[in-house]
Amino acid sequence: MTKAYSDDKIKKQFGNRVRLLRKKLNLSQEELGFQTGLDRTYISGIERGFRNPSLVNINKLAKALKVDLKTLFDFN
């Protein structure tokens, strides 16, 4: 059975994952924003769990972070 997450929890988990992967690549939020075409403040909002990015933006993040989509959702 798949574990279900509340809206707030999944946004925070996803944001933490983006932050971890970004830092592993030594990218600033500004640089990640440049690579994805997303504003730095939007990246910050994602990482803090305040934003709910679209599938298109999630795909942009995965490409810039050099991971597949599944890896972005690996919260374990």
Protein backbone atom coordinates (compact mmCIF):
# COMPACT_ATOMS: atom_id res chain seq x y z
CA MET A 1 0.00 0.00 0.00
CA THR A 2 1.30 3.45 -0.93
CA LYS A 3 1.74 6.01 1.81
CA ALA A 4 -0.47 9.08 1.33
CA TYR A 5 0.74 12.54 2.29
CA SER A 6 -1.23 15.62 3.28
CA ASP A 7 -0.97 18.59 0.91
CA ASP A 8 1.35 20.53 3.23
CA LYS A 9 3.52 17.53 4.01
CA ILE A 10 4.14 16.58 0.38
CA LYS A 11 5.00 20.17 -0.53
CA LYS A 12 7.50 20.32 2.34
CA GLN A 13 8.96 16.89 1.50
CA PHE A 14 9.29 17.83 -2.16
CA GLY A 15 10.86 21.17 -1.28
CA ASN A 16 13.37 19.52 1.03
CA ARG A 17 14.29 17.10 -1.74
CA VAL A 18 14.81 19.91 -4.26
CA ARG A 19 17.00 21.78 -1.74
CA LEU A 20 19.10 18.67 -1.01
CA LEU A 21 19.67 17.91 -4.69
CA ARG A 22 20.40 21.57 -5.49
CA LYS A 23 23.00 21.76 -2.73
CA LYS A 24 24.62 18.50 -3.88
CA LEU A 25 25.28 20.26 -7.20
CA ASN A 26 26.50 23.40 -5.39
CA LEU A 27 23.86 25.48 -7.13
CA SER A 28 22.37 28.64 -5.69
CA GLN A 29 18.63 29.19 -5.93
CA GLU A 30 19.42 31.90 -8.45
CA GLU A 31 21.43 29.52 -10.64
CA LEU A 32 18.76 26.83 -10.45
CA GLY A 33 16.22 29.46 -11.40
CA PHE A 34 18.34 30.50 -14.38
CA GLN A 35 18.70 26.90 -15.56
CA THR A 36 14.97 26.20 -15.26
CA GLY A 37 13.64 29.57 -16.41
CA LEU A 38 11.93 29.96 -13.02
CA ASP A 39 12.33 32.94 -10.72
CA ARG A 40 14.61 32.57 -7.68
CA THR A 41 11.73 33.52 -5.38
CA TYR A 42 9.64 30.73 -6.92
CA ILE A 43 12.46 28.23 -6.25
CA SER A 44 12.62 29.51 -2.67
CA GLY A 45 8.87 29.04 -2.28
CA ILE A 46 9.12 25.46 -3.53
CA GLU A 47 11.96 24.65 -1.15
CA ARG A 48 10.05 26.10 1.82
CA GLY A 49 6.92 24.12 0.92
CA PHE A 50 4.85 27.20 0.06
CA ARG A 51 4.53 26.51 -3.67
CA ASN A 52 2.79 23.68 -5.49
CA PRO A 53 4.73 23.41 -8.77
CA SER A 54 3.12 22.13 -11.94
CA LEU A 55 4.25 18.96 -13.67
CA VAL A 56 5.97 21.07 -16.31
CA ASN A 57 7.99 22.91 -13.66
CA ILE A 58 8.77 19.67 -11.82
CA ASN A 59 10.16 18.31 -15.06
CA LYS A 60 12.30 21.46 -15.51
CA LEU A 61 13.65 21.01 -11.99
CA ALA A 62 14.51 17.36 -12.62
CA LYS A 63 16.43 18.24 -15.79
CA ALA A 64 18.36 21.06 -14.10
CA LEU A 65 19.14 18.86 -11.08
CA LYS A 66 20.24 16.04 -13.42
CA VAL A 67 17.87 13.46 -11.95
CA ASP A 68 14.86 11.56 -13.21
CA LEU A 69 11.39 12.45 -12.00
CA LYS A 70 11.23 9.45 -9.68
CA THR A 71 14.33 10.64 -7.83
CA LEU A 72 12.68 13.97 -7.04
CA PHE A 73 9.96 12.08 -5.17
CA ASP A 74 12.24 9.69 -3.30
CA PHE A 75 11.62 11.04 0.20
CA ASN A 76 13.14 8.09 2.07
